[in-house]
């Protein structure tokens, strides 16, 4: 005999955020996205370099 579990509907969580907090989070997100793009291009540059040369220090 199996036990049936009652499933509850998902709960919704409401939060309040100020405009300045939202702007700050967006700015941080943009900075992180730019850093990811910079690091990706840096890695792509290392993959293209011949293996016998030394990578330039940044």
PDB file of N, CA and C in Angstrom:
ATOM      1  N   UNK A   1       0.852  -1.177   0.000  1.00  0.00           N
ATOM      2  CA  UNK A   1       0.000   0.000   0.000  1.00  0.00           C
ATOM      3  C   UNK A   1       0.902   1.246   0.000  1.00  0.00           C
ATOM      4  N   UNK A   2       0.656   2.166  -0.901  1.00  0.00           N
ATOM      5  CA  UNK A   2       1.494   3.361  -0.974  1.00  0.00           C
ATOM      6  C   UNK A   2       0.796   4.519  -0.271  1.00  0.00           C
ATOM      7  N   UNK A   3       1.620   5.405   0.235  1.00  0.00           N
ATOM      8  CA  UNK A   3       1.062   6.584   0.909  1.00  0.00           C
ATOM      9  C   UNK A   3       0.986   7.728  -0.091  1.00  0.00           C
ATOM     10  N   UNK A   4      -0.123   8.383  -0.141  1.00  0.00           N
ATOM     11  CA  UNK A   4      -0.307   9.513  -1.041  1.00  0.00           C
ATOM     12  C   UNK A   4       0.096  10.791  -0.320  1.00  0.00           C
ATOM     13  N   UNK A   5       0.865  11.607  -1.003  1.00  0.00           N
ATOM     14  CA  UNK A   5       1.270  12.882  -0.416  1.00  0.00           C
ATOM     15  C   UNK A   5       0.426  13.990  -1.016  1.00  0.00           C
ATOM     16  N   UNK A   6      -0.008  14.853  -0.161  1.00  0.00           N
ATOM     17  CA  UNK A   6      -0.746  16.020  -0.630  1.00  0.00           C
ATOM     18  C   UNK A   6       0.268  17.039  -1.143  1.00  0.00           C
ATOM     19  N   UNK A   7       0.097  17.476  -2.349  1.00  0.00           N
ATOM     20  CA  UNK A   7       1.008  18.494  -2.882  1.00  0.00           C
ATOM     21  C   UNK A   7       0.380  19.860  -2.693  1.00  0.00           C
ATOM     22  N   UNK A   8       1.208  20.767  -2.234  1.00  0.00           N
ATOM     23  CA  UNK A   8       0.749  22.135  -2.010  1.00  0.00           C
ATOM     24  C   UNK A   8       1.062  22.972  -3.245  1.00  0.00           C
ATOM     25  N   UNK A   9       0.224  23.944  -3.526  1.00  0.00           N
ATOM     26  CA  UNK A   9       0.551  24.833  -4.647  1.00  0.00           C
ATOM     27  C   UNK A   9       1.783  25.671  -4.290  1.00  0.00           C
ATOM     28  N   UNK A  10       2.559  26.084  -5.285  1.00  0.00           N
ATOM     29  CA  UNK A  10       3.753  26.898  -4.978  1.00  0.00           C
ATOM     30  C   UNK A  10       3.350  28.202  -4.308  1.00  0.00           C
ATOM     31  N   UNK A  11       4.198  28.626  -3.390  1.00  0.00           N
ATOM     32  CA  UNK A  11       3.931  29.877  -2.689  1.00  0.00           C
ATOM     33  C   UNK A  11       4.626  31.018  -3.417  1.00  0.00           C
ATOM     34  N   UNK A  12       4.034  32.186  -3.383  1.00  0.00           N
ATOM     35  CA  UNK A  12       4.619  33.371  -3.989  1.00  0.00           C
ATOM     36  C   UNK A  12       5.228  34.226  -2.893  1.00  0.00           C
ATOM     37  N   UNK A  13       6.461  34.641  -3.114  1.00  0.00           N
ATOM     38  CA  UNK A  13       7.158  35.489  -2.155  1.00  0.00           C
ATOM     39  C   UNK A  13       7.220  36.896  -2.722  1.00  0.00           C
ATOM     40  N   UNK A  14       6.732  37.845  -1.982  1.00  0.00           N
ATOM     41  CA  UNK A  14       6.759  39.239  -2.399  1.00  0.00           C
ATOM     42  C   UNK A  14       7.830  39.966  -1.607  1.00  0.00           C
ATOM     43  N   UNK A  15       8.652  40.729  -2.308  1.00  0.00           N
ATOM     44  CA  UNK A  15       9.679  41.528  -1.644  1.00  0.00           C
ATOM     45  C   UNK A  15       9.562  42.967  -2.110  1.00  0.00           C
ATOM     46  N   UNK A  16      10.073  43.859  -1.312  1.00  0.00           N
ATOM     47  CA  UNK A  16      10.081  45.266  -1.661  1.00  0.00           C
ATOM     48  C   UNK A  16      11.525  45.700  -1.826  1.00  0.00           C
ATOM     49  N   UNK A  17      11.785  46.423  -2.904  1.00  0.00           N
ATOM     50  CA  UNK A  17      13.132  46.925  -3.145  1.00  0.00           C
ATOM     51  C   UNK A  17      13.023  48.391  -3.559  1.00  0.00           C
ATOM     52  N   UNK A  18      13.918  49.185  -3.032  1.00  0.00           N
ATOM     53  CA  UNK A  18      13.905  50.604  -3.370  1.00  0.00           C
ATOM     54  C   UNK A  18      14.525  50.813  -4.749  1.00  0.00           C
ATOM     55  N   UNK A  19      14.174  51.921  -5.377  1.00  0.00           N
ATOM     56  CA  UNK A  19      14.709  52.217  -6.709  1.00  0.00           C
ATOM     57  C   UNK A  19      16.226  52.308  -6.699  1.00  0.00           C
ATOM     58  N   UNK A  20      16.791  52.908  -5.669  1.00  0.00           N
ATOM     59  CA  UNK A  20      18.253  53.036  -5.627  1.00  0.00           C
ATOM     60  C   UNK A  20      18.912  51.668  -5.450  1.00  0.00           C
ATOM     61  N   UNK A  21      18.281  50.774  -4.705  1.00  0.00           N
ATOM     62  CA  UNK A  21      18.814  49.422  -4.560  1.00  0.00           C
ATOM     63  C   UNK A  21      18.748  48.674  -5.894  1.00  0.00           C
ATOM     64  N   UNK A  22      17.659  48.836  -6.607  1.00  0.00           N
ATOM     65  CA  UNK A  22      17.511  48.190  -7.904  1.00  0.00           C
ATOM     66  C   UNK A  22      18.557  48.720  -8.883  1.00  0.00           C
ATOM     67  N   UNK A  23      18.754  50.029  -8.891  1.00  0.00           N
ATOM     68  CA  UNK A  23      19.763  50.630  -9.774  1.00  0.00           C
ATOM     69  C   UNK A  23      21.159  50.090  -9.443  1.00  0.00           C
ATOM     70  N   UNK A  24      21.461  49.972  -8.153  1.00  0.00           N
ATOM     71  CA  UNK A  24      22.759  49.463  -7.737  1.00  0.00           C
ATOM     72  C   UNK A  24      22.942  48.005  -8.189  1.00  0.00           C
ATOM     73  N   UNK A  25      21.901  47.197  -8.028  1.00  0.00           N
ATOM     74  CA  UNK A  25      21.983  45.799  -8.463  1.00  0.00           C
ATOM     75  C   UNK A  25      22.168  45.703  -9.973  1.00  0.00           C
ATOM     76  N   UNK A  26      21.492  46.547 -10.720  1.00  0.00           N
ATOM     77  CA  UNK A  26      21.649  46.546 -12.172  1.00  0.00           C
ATOM     78  C   UNK A  26      23.061  46.953 -12.564  1.00  0.00           C
ATOM     79  N   UNK A  27      23.598  47.970 -11.873  1.00  0.00           N
ATOM     80  CA  UNK A  27      24.973  48.400 -12.153  1.00  0.00           C
ATOM     81  C   UNK A  27      25.974  47.285 -11.857  1.00  0.00           C
ATOM     82  N   UNK A  28      25.781  46.594 -10.730  1.00  0.00           N
ATOM     83  CA  UNK A  28      26.672  45.486 -10.378  1.00  0.00           C
ATOM     84  C   UNK A  28      26.570  44.363 -11.406  1.00  0.00           C
ATOM     85  N   UNK A  29      25.348  44.083 -11.864  1.00  0.00           N
ATOM     86  CA  UNK A  29      25.154  43.056 -12.886  1.00  0.00           C
ATOM     87  C   UNK A  29      25.886  43.436 -14.166  1.00  0.00           C
ATOM     88  N   UNK A  30      25.765  44.696 -14.576  1.00  0.00           N
ATOM     89  CA  UNK A  30      26.440  45.152 -15.790  1.00  0.00           C
ATOM     90  C   UNK A  30      27.956  45.034 -15.658  1.00  0.00           C
ATOM     91  N   UNK A  31      28.490  45.405 -14.494  1.00  0.00           N
ATOM     92  CA  UNK A  31      29.934  45.299 -14.269  1.00  0.00           C
ATOM     93  C   UNK A  31      30.387  43.844 -14.333  1.00  0.00           C
ATOM     94  N   UNK A  32      29.613  42.954 -13.737  1.00  0.00           N
ATOM     95  CA  UNK A  32      29.966  41.535 -13.767  1.00  0.00           C
ATOM     96  C   UNK A  32      29.891  40.968 -15.178  1.00  0.00           C
ATOM     97  N   UNK A  33      28.901  41.388 -15.943  1.00  0.00           N
ATOM     98  CA  UNK A  33      28.793  40.921 -17.326  1.00  0.00           C
ATOM     99  C   UNK A  33      29.983  41.403 -18.153  1.00  0.00           C
ATOM    100  N   UNK A  34      30.415  42.646 -17.936  1.00  0.00           N
ATOM    101  CA  UNK A  34      31.582  43.159 -18.642  1.00  0.00           C
ATOM    102  C   UNK A  34      32.844  42.387 -18.249  1.00  0.00           C
ATOM    103  N   UNK A  35      32.965  42.071 -16.979  1.00  0.00           N
ATOM    104  CA  UNK A  35      34.123  41.296 -16.502  1.00  0.00           C
ATOM    105  C   UNK A  35      34.125  39.901 -17.120  1.00  0.00           C
ATOM    106  N   UNK A  36      32.961  39.277 -17.207  1.00  0.00           N
ATOM    107  CA  UNK A  36      32.867  37.950 -17.833  1.00  0.00           C
ATOM    108  C   UNK A  36      33.287  38.035 -19.297  1.00  0.00           C
ATOM    109  N   UNK A  37      32.826  39.057 -20.011  1.00  0.00           N
ATOM    110  CA  UNK A  37      33.202  39.219 -21.414  1.00  0.00           C
ATOM    111  C   UNK A  37      34.707  39.438 -21.550  1.00  0.00           C
ATOM    112  N   UNK A  38      35.295  40.231 -20.651  1.00  0.00           N
ATOM    113  CA  UNK A  38      36.736  40.490 -20.691  1.00  0.00           C
ATOM    114  C   UNK A  38      37.513  39.195 -20.456  1.00  0.00           C
ATOM    115  N   UNK A  39      37.081  38.424 -19.467  1.00  0.00           N
ATOM    116  CA  UNK A  39      37.768  37.177 -19.165  1.00  0.00           C
ATOM    117  C   UNK A  39      37.620  36.159 -20.295  1.00  0.00           C
ATOM    118  N   UNK A  40      36.438  36.125 -20.910  1.00  0.00           N
ATOM    119  CA  UNK A  40      36.244  35.216 -22.047  1.00  0.00           C
ATOM    120  C   UNK A  40      37.173  35.572 -23.194  1.00  0.00           C
ATOM    121  N   UNK A  41      37.263  36.856 -23.498  1.00  0.00           N
ATOM    122  CA  UNK A  41      38.137  37.254 -24.600  1.00  0.00           C
ATOM    123  C   UNK A  41      39.602  36.980 -24.248  1.00  0.00           C
ATOM    124  N   UNK A  42      39.963  37.157 -22.984  1.00  0.00           N
ATOM    125  CA  UNK A  42      41.322  36.849 -22.538  1.00  0.00           C
ATOM    126  C   UNK A  42      41.614  35.355 -22.721  1.00  0.00           C
ATOM    127  N   UNK A  43      40.660  34.516 -22.332  1.00  0.00           N
ATOM    128  CA  UNK A  43      40.840  33.073 -22.505  1.00  0.00           C
ATOM    129  C   UNK A  43      40.907  32.697 -23.984  1.00  0.00           C
ATOM    130  N   UNK A  44      40.077  33.324 -24.805  1.00  0.00           N
ATOM    131  CA  UNK A  44      40.124  33.053 -26.240  1.00  0.00           C
ATOM    132  C   UNK A  44      41.492  33.430 -26.804  1.00  0.00           C
ATOM    133  N   UNK A  45      42.040  34.533 -26.327  1.00  0.00           N
ATOM    134  CA  UNK A  45      43.372  34.957 -26.764  1.00  0.00           C
ATOM    135  C   UNK A  45      44.434  33.955 -26.364  1.00  0.00           C
ATOM    136  N   UNK A  46      44.302  33.367 -25.190  1.00  0.00           N
ATOM    137  CA  UNK A  46      45.280  32.366 -24.746  1.00  0.00           C
ATOM    138  C   UNK A  46      45.154  31.090 -25.561  1.00  0.00           C
ATOM    139  N   UNK A  47      43.941  30.743 -25.966  1.00  0.00           N
ATOM    140  CA  UNK A  47      43.747  29.531 -26.760  1.00  0.00           C
ATOM    141  C   UNK A  47      44.338  29.685 -28.158  1.00  0.00           C
ATOM    142  N   UNK A  48      44.361  30.918 -28.670  1.00  0.00           N
ATOM    143  CA  UNK A  48      44.867  31.163 -30.005  1.00  0.00           C
ATOM    144  C   UNK A  48      46.396  31.216 -30.014  1.00  0.00           C
ATOM    145  N   UNK A  49      47.013  31.625 -28.896  1.00  0.00           N
ATOM    146  CA  UNK A  49      48.465  31.748 -28.816  1.00  0.00           C
ATOM    147  C   UNK A  49      49.142  30.392 -29.005  1.00  0.00           C
ATOM    148  N   UNK A  50      50.297  30.384 -29.658  1.00  0.00           N
ATOM    149  CA  UNK A  50      51.073  29.138 -29.705  1.00  0.00           C
ATOM    150  C   UNK A  50      51.495  28.747 -28.294  1.00  0.00           C
ATOM    151  N   UNK A  51      51.611  27.466 -28.045  1.00  0.00           N
ATOM    152  CA  UNK A  51      51.886  26.991 -26.684  1.00  0.00           C
ATOM    153  C   UNK A  51      53.297  27.273 -26.220  1.00  0.00           C
ATOM    154  N   UNK A  52      54.241  27.577 -27.133  1.00  0.00           N
ATOM    155  CA  UNK A  52      55.627  27.787 -26.712  1.00  0.00           C
ATOM    156  C   UNK A  52      55.938  29.225 -26.327  1.00  0.00           C
ATOM    157  N   UNK A  53      54.973  30.147 -26.467  1.00  0.00           N
ATOM    158  CA  UNK A  53      55.221  31.536 -26.080  1.00  0.00           C
ATOM    159  C   UNK A  53      54.652  31.801 -24.698  1.00  0.00           C
ATOM    160  N   UNK A  54      55.218  32.762 -24.021  1.00  0.00           N
ATOM    161  CA  UNK A  54      54.762  33.149 -22.698  1.00  0.00           C
ATOM    162  C   UNK A  54      53.597  34.116 -22.829  1.00  0.00           C
ATOM    163  N   UNK A  55      52.516  33.941 -22.078  1.00  0.00           N
ATOM    164  CA  UNK A  55      51.410  34.904 -22.126  1.00  0.00           C
ATOM    165  C   UNK A  55      51.818  36.224 -21.489  1.00  0.00           C
ATOM    166  N   UNK A  56      51.298  37.305 -22.009  1.00  0.00           N
ATOM    167  CA  UNK A  56      51.589  38.635 -21.459  1.00  0.00           C
ATOM    168  C   UNK A  56      50.872  38.791 -20.126  1.00  0.00           C
ATOM    169  N   UNK A  57      51.541  39.453 -19.201  1.00  0.00           N
ATOM    170  CA  UNK A  57      50.923  39.715 -17.900  1.00  0.00           C
ATOM    171  C   UNK A  57      49.995  40.904 -18.033  1.00  0.00           C
ATOM    172  N   UNK A  58      48.822  40.801 -17.440  1.00  0.00           N
ATOM    173  CA  UNK A  58      47.844  41.888 -17.501  1.00  0.00           C
ATOM    174  C   UNK A  58      47.910  42.709 -16.243  1.00  0.00           C
TER     175      UNK A  58
END
